[in-house]
Amino acid sequence: MKRWNSLQHKLSWYKEWPVKYMFKFIVPADMDKIARVESLFANHATIYRKESKKGNYVSITAKQNMYDPEQIIEIYKKASLIENIVSL
């Protein structure tokens, strides 16, 4: 898919791996969806949540050491299967 190829190209600019990569997602304030997003990351990942002003959405930021571009793309692919998620 073109989207993943573009991301792969951008990630190839990193010269040294592993890198601490920051993922950011916005999901509806639904505990099941929040849990699904957080389950994409290892136990040692740093995860932050921030609720929107009206409480309808939650921003999830996760920082985790990643070892290659394919690992990052795999997380984005899995996240894209979660309904109503926005990847930033």
Protein backbone atom coordinates (compact mmCIF):
# COMPACT_ATOMS: atom_id res chain seq x y z
CA MET A 1 0.00 0.00 0.00
CA LYS A 2 1.25 3.46 -0.88
CA ARG A 3 0.77 4.79 2.66
CA TRP A 4 3.02 2.12 4.16
CA ASN A 5 5.65 2.54 1.44
CA SER A 6 5.80 6.27 2.16
CA LEU A 7 6.21 5.64 5.88
CA GLN A 8 8.86 2.99 5.19
CA HIS A 9 10.79 5.54 3.13
CA LYS A 10 10.59 8.19 5.87
CA LEU A 11 11.70 5.73 8.53
CA SER A 12 14.69 4.70 6.45
CA TRP A 13 16.23 8.09 7.28
CA TYR A 14 16.89 6.92 10.83
CA LYS A 15 20.56 5.98 10.83
CA GLU A 16 20.72 4.08 14.09
CA TRP A 17 18.32 1.49 15.42
CA PRO A 18 16.76 0.94 17.88
CA VAL A 19 15.02 4.29 18.20
CA LYS A 20 12.53 5.50 20.78
CA TYR A 21 9.53 6.06 18.52
CA MET A 22 6.46 8.06 19.49
CA PHE A 23 3.04 6.89 18.34
CA LYS A 24 -0.03 9.07 18.71
CA PHE A 25 -3.63 7.97 18.27
CA ILE A 26 -7.02 9.52 18.90
CA VAL A 27 -9.87 7.16 19.74
CA PRO A 28 -13.43 7.52 20.99
CA ALA A 29 -13.61 7.48 24.79
CA ASP A 30 -14.46 3.78 24.81
CA MET A 31 -12.52 1.64 27.28
CA ASP A 32 -12.46 -1.33 24.88
CA LYS A 33 -10.87 0.74 22.10
CA ILE A 34 -8.43 2.36 24.51
CA ALA A 35 -7.41 -1.08 25.78
CA ARG A 36 -6.98 -2.37 22.22
CA VAL A 37 -4.66 0.51 21.36
CA GLU A 38 -2.63 0.11 24.53
CA SER A 39 -2.32 -3.64 23.92
CA LEU A 40 -0.35 -2.90 20.75
CA PHE A 41 2.64 -1.95 22.88
CA ALA A 42 5.04 -3.88 25.07
CA ASN A 43 4.87 -3.70 28.88
CA HIS A 44 7.93 -1.44 28.95
CA ALA A 45 6.37 1.20 26.65
CA THR A 46 5.54 4.58 28.15
CA ILE A 47 1.87 5.36 27.51
CA TYR A 48 0.06 8.62 28.19
CA ARG A 49 -3.66 9.33 27.89
CA LYS A 50 -5.35 12.69 27.59
CA GLU A 51 -9.09 13.13 27.45
CA SER A 52 -10.62 15.70 25.09
CA LYS A 53 -12.31 18.78 26.52
CA LYS A 54 -15.82 17.28 26.19
CA GLY A 55 -14.65 13.79 27.10
CA ASN A 56 -15.71 12.22 23.80
CA TYR A 57 -12.20 11.26 22.69
CA VAL A 58 -8.92 10.15 24.20
CA SER A 59 -5.49 10.93 22.84
CA ILE A 60 -3.04 8.10 23.41
CA THR A 61 0.69 8.71 23.10
CA ALA A 62 3.02 5.75 23.37
CA LYS A 63 6.82 5.76 23.32
CA GLN A 64 8.63 2.50 22.77
CA ASN A 65 12.01 1.33 21.51
CA MET A 66 11.57 0.06 17.99
CA TYR A 67 14.14 -2.07 16.20
CA ASP A 68 13.29 -1.54 12.54
CA PRO A 69 10.77 0.23 10.27
CA GLU A 70 8.75 -2.95 9.75
CA GLN A 71 8.02 -3.16 13.48
CA ILE A 72 6.63 0.38 13.45
CA ILE A 73 4.52 -0.23 10.35
CA GLU A 74 3.13 -3.43 11.87
CA ILE A 75 1.79 -1.47 14.86
CA TYR A 76 0.15 1.08 12.56
CA LYS A 77 -1.41 -1.72 10.48
CA LYS A 78 -2.87 -3.36 13.60
CA ALA A 79 -4.12 0.00 14.86
CA SER A 80 -5.85 0.69 11.55
CA LEU A 81 -8.16 -2.27 12.27
CA ILE A 82 -9.62 -0.45 15.30
CA GLU A 83 -12.82 1.32 14.29
CA ASN A 84 -12.83 5.15 14.38
CA ILE A 85 -9.14 5.47 15.25
CA VAL A 86 -7.06 8.39 13.99
CA SER A 87 -3.31 7.87 13.67
CA LEU A 88 -1.16 10.97 13.87
